[in-house]
Structures are given as C-alpha cells and as structure tokens.
C-alpha atoms as a PDB file:
ATOM      1  CA  UNK A   1     104.711 230.800 -12.423  1.00  0.00           C
ATOM      2  CA  UNK A   2     104.453 234.342 -13.872  1.00  0.00           C
ATOM      3  CA  UNK A   3     106.385 236.920 -12.108  1.00  0.00           C
ATOM      4  CA  UNK A   4     103.146 238.726 -10.853  1.00  0.00           C
ATOM      5  CA  UNK A   5     102.369 235.505  -9.013  1.00  0.00           C
ATOM      6  CA  UNK A   6     105.875 234.440  -7.941  1.00  0.00           C
ATOM      7  CA  UNK A   7     106.265 234.405  -4.343  1.00  0.00           C
ATOM      8  CA  UNK A   8     108.998 236.133  -2.757  1.00  0.00           C
ATOM      9  CA  UNK A   9     111.800 234.100  -1.365  1.00  0.00           C
ATOM     10  CA  UNK A  10     111.214 232.980   2.144  1.00  0.00           C
ATOM     11  CA  UNK A  11     113.177 234.866   4.429  1.00  0.00           C
ATOM     12  CA  UNK A  12     115.973 232.251   6.734  1.00  0.00           C
ATOM     13  CA  UNK A  13     114.714 231.914  10.313  1.00  0.00           C
ATOM     14  CA  UNK A  14     116.894 233.458  12.670  1.00  0.00           C
ATOM     15  CA  UNK A  15     116.672 232.386  16.594  1.00  0.00           C
ATOM     16  CA  UNK A  16     117.583 234.706  18.799  1.00  0.00           C
ATOM     17  CA  UNK A  17     118.212 233.341  22.381  1.00  0.00           C
ATOM     18  CA  UNK A  18     116.465 234.893  25.499  1.00  0.00           C
ATOM     19  CA  UNK A  19     116.449 234.645  29.041  1.00  0.00           C
ATOM     20  CA  UNK A  20     114.090 234.987  32.022  1.00  0.00           C
ATOM     21  CA  UNK A  21     113.542 238.290  34.012  1.00  0.00           C
ATOM     22  CA  UNK A  22     111.191 238.847  36.911  1.00  0.00           C
ATOM     23  CA  UNK A  23     109.063 241.927  35.468  1.00  0.00           C
ATOM     24  CA  UNK A  24     105.817 243.847  36.893  1.00  0.00           C
ATOM     25  CA  UNK A  25     103.908 245.618  34.211  1.00  0.00           C
ATOM     26  CA  UNK A  26     100.096 246.594  34.822  1.00  0.00           C
ATOM     27  CA  UNK A  27      98.608 243.675  37.183  1.00  0.00           C
ATOM     28  CA  UNK A  28     101.431 241.243  36.269  1.00  0.00           C
ATOM     29  CA  UNK A  29     104.193 240.786  38.426  1.00  0.00           C
ATOM     30  CA  UNK A  30     105.668 237.436  37.058  1.00  0.00           C
ATOM     31  CA  UNK A  31     109.075 236.002  34.926  1.00  0.00           C
ATOM     32  CA  UNK A  32     108.856 237.084  31.584  1.00  0.00           C
ATOM     33  CA  UNK A  33     111.273 235.569  28.624  1.00  0.00           C
ATOM     34  CA  UNK A  34     112.943 238.119  27.182  1.00  0.00           C
ATOM     35  CA  UNK A  35     115.440 239.411  24.202  1.00  0.00           C
ATOM     36  CA  UNK A  36     116.394 243.087  23.569  1.00  0.00           C
ATOM     37  CA  UNK A  37     114.538 244.443  21.066  1.00  0.00           C
ATOM     38  CA  UNK A  38     117.865 246.178  18.992  1.00  0.00           C
ATOM     39  CA  UNK A  39     118.788 242.249  17.972  1.00  0.00           C
ATOM     40  CA  UNK A  40     115.257 241.457  16.626  1.00  0.00           C
ATOM     41  CA  UNK A  41     115.276 244.561  14.672  1.00  0.00           C
ATOM     42  CA  UNK A  42     118.729 244.368  13.454  1.00  0.00           C
ATOM     43  CA  UNK A  43     117.940 240.414  12.383  1.00  0.00           C
ATOM     44  CA  UNK A  44     114.745 241.833  10.656  1.00  0.00           C
ATOM     45  CA  UNK A  45     116.705 245.315   8.884  1.00  0.00           C
ATOM     46  CA  UNK A  46     119.409 242.035   7.338  1.00  0.00           C
ATOM     47  CA  UNK A  47     116.787 240.226   6.041  1.00  0.00           C
ATOM     48  CA  UNK A  48     116.267 237.205   8.240  1.00  0.00           C
ATOM     49  CA  UNK A  49     113.037 236.784  10.262  1.00  0.00           C
ATOM     50  CA  UNK A  50     113.696 236.778  13.991  1.00  0.00           C
ATOM     51  CA  UNK A  51     112.286 234.098  16.383  1.00  0.00           C
ATOM     52  CA  UNK A  52     112.590 233.976  20.066  1.00  0.00           C
ATOM     53  CA  UNK A  53     114.120 230.926  21.368  1.00  0.00           C
ATOM     54  CA  UNK A  54     112.403 230.365  24.471  1.00  0.00           C
ATOM     55  CA  UNK A  55     114.065 229.902  27.870  1.00  0.00           C
ATOM     56  CA  UNK A  56     112.575 226.766  28.654  1.00  0.00           C
ATOM     57  CA  UNK A  57     112.092 225.243  32.456  1.00  0.00           C
ATOM     58  CA  UNK A  58     114.102 221.858  31.457  1.00  0.00           C
ATOM     59  CA  UNK A  59     117.061 222.967  29.971  1.00  0.00           C
ATOM     60  CA  UNK A  60     119.617 220.497  28.972  1.00  0.00           C
ATOM     61  CA  UNK A  61     119.222 218.107  31.938  1.00  0.00           C
ATOM     62  CA  UNK A  62     115.684 217.506  30.445  1.00  0.00           C
ATOM     63  CA  UNK A  63     113.851 219.003  33.623  1.00  0.00           C
ATOM     64  CA  UNK A  64     112.226 217.398  36.700  1.00  0.00           C
ATOM     65  CA  UNK A  65     111.924 213.959  35.647  1.00  0.00           C
ATOM     66  CA  UNK A  66     113.861 214.327  32.620  1.00  0.00           C
ATOM     67  CA  UNK A  67     117.003 213.044  31.511  1.00  0.00           C
ATOM     68  CA  UNK A  68     119.745 214.870  30.012  1.00  0.00           C
ATOM     69  CA  UNK A  69     118.869 213.340  26.855  1.00  0.00           C
ATOM     70  CA  UNK A  70     115.477 215.048  26.587  1.00  0.00           C
ATOM     71  CA  UNK A  71     116.496 218.466  26.703  1.00  0.00           C
ATOM     72  CA  UNK A  72     119.427 217.730  23.935  1.00  0.00           C
ATOM     73  CA  UNK A  73     116.658 216.076  21.833  1.00  0.00           C
ATOM     74  CA  UNK A  74     114.513 219.214  22.437  1.00  0.00           C
ATOM     75  CA  UNK A  75     117.172 221.653  21.484  1.00  0.00           C
ATOM     76  CA  UNK A  76     117.962 219.622  18.325  1.00  0.00           C
ATOM     77  CA  UNK A  77     114.597 219.677  17.715  1.00  0.00           C
ATOM     78  CA  UNK A  78     114.398 223.420  17.714  1.00  0.00           C
ATOM     79  CA  UNK A  79     117.677 224.234  15.919  1.00  0.00           C
ATOM     80  CA  UNK A  80     116.114 221.790  12.864  1.00  0.00           C
ATOM     81  CA  UNK A  81     113.634 224.679  12.571  1.00  0.00           C
ATOM     82  CA  UNK A  82     116.203 227.424  12.123  1.00  0.00           C
ATOM     83  CA  UNK A  83     118.567 228.881   9.578  1.00  0.00           C
ATOM     84  CA  UNK A  84     120.870 230.494  12.144  1.00  0.00           C
ATOM     85  CA  UNK A  85     121.550 231.398  15.820  1.00  0.00           C
ATOM     86  CA  UNK A  86     122.322 234.527  17.709  1.00  0.00           C
ATOM     87  CA  UNK A  87     123.738 234.352  21.208  1.00  0.00           C
ATOM     88  CA  UNK A  88     122.385 237.464  22.368  1.00  0.00           C
ATOM     89  CA  UNK A  89     124.776 239.468  25.061  1.00  0.00           C
ATOM     90  CA  UNK A  90     123.959 239.855  28.795  1.00  0.00           C
ATOM     91  CA  UNK A  91     125.386 238.869  32.054  1.00  0.00           C
ATOM     92  CA  UNK A  92     128.388 237.389  33.267  1.00  0.00           C
ATOM     93  CA  UNK A  93     128.604 233.231  32.740  1.00  0.00           C
ATOM     94  CA  UNK A  94     128.640 231.587  35.809  1.00  0.00           C
ATOM     95  CA  UNK A  95     132.240 230.572  36.934  1.00  0.00           C
ATOM     96  CA  UNK A  96     131.620 227.247  37.479  1.00  0.00           C
ATOM     97  CA  UNK A  97     131.094 226.716  33.958  1.00  0.00           C
ATOM     98  CA  UNK A  98     134.825 227.037  33.485  1.00  0.00           C
ATOM     99  CA  UNK A  99     135.726 225.424  36.692  1.00  0.00           C
ATOM    100  CA  UNK A 100     136.012 228.658  38.490  1.00  0.00           C
ATOM    101  CA  UNK A 101     134.831 229.822  41.946  1.00  0.00           C
ATOM    102  CA  UNK A 102     133.120 233.275  41.797  1.00  0.00           C
ATOM    103  CA  UNK A 103     134.447 236.101  42.545  1.00  0.00           C
ATOM    104  CA  UNK A 104     132.172 238.730  44.937  1.00  0.00           C
ATOM    105  CA  UNK A 105     132.553 241.349  41.986  1.00  0.00           C
ATOM    106  CA  UNK A 106     130.976 238.839  39.395  1.00  0.00           C
ATOM    107  CA  UNK A 107     127.071 239.791  38.710  1.00  0.00           C
ATOM    108  CA  UNK A 108     124.546 238.722  37.078  1.00  0.00           C
ATOM    109  CA  UNK A 109     124.765 234.916  36.460  1.00  0.00           C
ATOM    110  CA  UNK A 110     122.318 232.875  35.807  1.00  0.00           C
ATOM    111  CA  UNK A 111     123.211 228.925  35.447  1.00  0.00           C
ATOM    112  CA  UNK A 112     119.889 227.843  33.845  1.00  0.00           C
ATOM    113  CA  UNK A 113     120.167 231.033  31.039  1.00  0.00           C
ATOM    114  CA  UNK A 114     124.093 229.458  30.637  1.00  0.00           C
ATOM    115  CA  UNK A 115     122.482 225.524  30.672  1.00  0.00           C
ATOM    116  CA  UNK A 116     119.851 226.682  27.713  1.00  0.00           C
ATOM    117  CA  UNK A 117     122.572 228.819  25.689  1.00  0.00           C
ATOM    118  CA  UNK A 118     124.806 225.838  25.568  1.00  0.00           C
ATOM    119  CA  UNK A 119     122.200 223.629  24.714  1.00  0.00           C
ATOM    120  CA  UNK A 120     121.320 225.417  21.911  1.00  0.00           C
ATOM    121  CA  UNK A 121     124.341 225.935  20.741  1.00  0.00           C
ATOM    122  CA  UNK A 122     125.425 222.176  20.998  1.00  0.00           C
ATOM    123  CA  UNK A 123     122.152 222.064  18.902  1.00  0.00           C
ATOM    124  CA  UNK A 124     123.160 224.559  16.285  1.00  0.00           C
ATOM    125  CA  UNK A 125     126.859 222.877  16.136  1.00  0.00           C
ATOM    126  CA  UNK A 126     125.178 219.437  15.801  1.00  0.00           C
ATOM    127  CA  UNK A 127     122.907 220.721  12.501  1.00  0.00           C
ATOM    128  CA  UNK A 128     125.927 223.034  11.078  1.00  0.00           C
ATOM    129  CA  UNK A 129     123.677 225.985  11.693  1.00  0.00           C
ATOM    130  CA  UNK A 130     125.469 229.351  11.787  1.00  0.00           C
ATOM    131  CA  UNK A 131     126.100 231.155  14.909  1.00  0.00           C
ATOM    132  CA  UNK A 132     126.235 234.819  15.504  1.00  0.00           C
ATOM    133  CA  UNK A 133     127.755 235.252  19.425  1.00  0.00           C
ATOM    134  CA  UNK A 134     127.446 238.503  20.620  1.00  0.00           C
ATOM    135  CA  UNK A 135     129.319 239.843  24.079  1.00  0.00           C
ATOM    136  CA  UNK A 136     128.194 237.242  26.549  1.00  0.00           C
ATOM    137  CA  UNK A 137     127.355 235.273  23.845  1.00  0.00           C
ATOM    138  CA  UNK A 138     131.254 235.120  22.598  1.00  0.00           C
ATOM    139  CA  UNK A 139     132.059 234.179  25.887  1.00  0.00           C
ATOM    140  CA  UNK A 140     129.891 231.396  26.225  1.00  0.00           C
ATOM    141  CA  UNK A 141     131.349 230.198  22.501  1.00  0.00           C
ATOM    142  CA  UNK A 142     134.858 230.308  24.182  1.00  0.00           C
ATOM    143  CA  UNK A 143     133.676 228.368  27.420  1.00  0.00           C
ATOM    144  CA  UNK A 144     132.056 225.750  25.655  1.00  0.00           C
ATOM    145  CA  UNK A 145     135.340 224.839  23.260  1.00  0.00           C
ATOM    146  CA  UNK A 146     137.028 224.747  26.538  1.00  0.00           C
ATOM    147  CA  UNK A 147     138.131 227.786  27.627  1.00  0.00           C
ATOM    148  CA  UNK A 148     138.262 230.010  30.544  1.00  0.00           C
ATOM    149  CA  UNK A 149     137.371 233.795  31.511  1.00  0.00           C
ATOM    150  CA  UNK A 150     139.257 236.534  33.537  1.00  0.00           C
ATOM    151  CA  UNK A 151     136.774 237.413  36.354  1.00  0.00           C
ATOM    152  CA  UNK A 152     136.433 241.103  37.321  1.00  0.00           C
END
C-alpha cells in the first residue's frame, strides 16, 4: 500500500463498565445506562476507542431462567471484542460481596452492578485483557481476589 492509501492503525477497543440509574429528562423517566463522560474522554485522548459495557439485566447468574454459565459466557463474549477494560468508580460495594453485613453508613450499593463488574473482571482475566481499576473498581479488584474492605 502506498503511504497515501495506507489505513491508520486501529485504535484499541477499551470497554468501560457502566451502571443503571433512574433518570428523568424531557418526557422520559426511566433507568439509563451511565458512565461518566470523563472516562470516555480520557480513553479517547489516550488513543483508545471507548465502548460502553452495558449493565445487562441477567448479570453473571444468567437472569430469569438462565444458568450461571449463561452469564459467564455472555461476559466472555463481550471481553473477546475488547483490548482492555476500565472498571469505573462509583458507589460502595455491597459488603455481602466480602462476607460482611452492611454498616448503616454504607451507601450507594448495587448488588446487580457488583455482579456485573465481577463477571466482566472474570472475563477479562480469563482472556488476559489488561484491566484498569479506578476507585470503586480497585475495591472490586481487591474483593475479587479474596480481600475485604473497611466500611465507613
């Protein structure tokens, strides 16, 4: 290929975990999938192609009527298309993830999000995909490897 017709190199595809949150805008009052725009911007500026990993209803358990392996396969399939994963920041992990009862001051937990992100992490590790864990993501990484957390 000549220099003028050469394609630019493909940008690495970086999956950003997202989460469900009730949202109202205009005529809509529904749950929406969120990821703070800062993550999208930073990955793009660093040369990556950011993509949102949607907060699927079925999680790792495979959902209603599904088996645990159904969810694991879905996450493995998602991770197959990625060159890297960012576990984004957010609220506290549900203390039941690491065998503790919730302290009344522990807020913003989402067992569904914990399950989703643990599944994404498992899929990324199985495929040898690099993972960047930010704030909550680092806490999730700690718990996934058998650690626990000090609640508020």
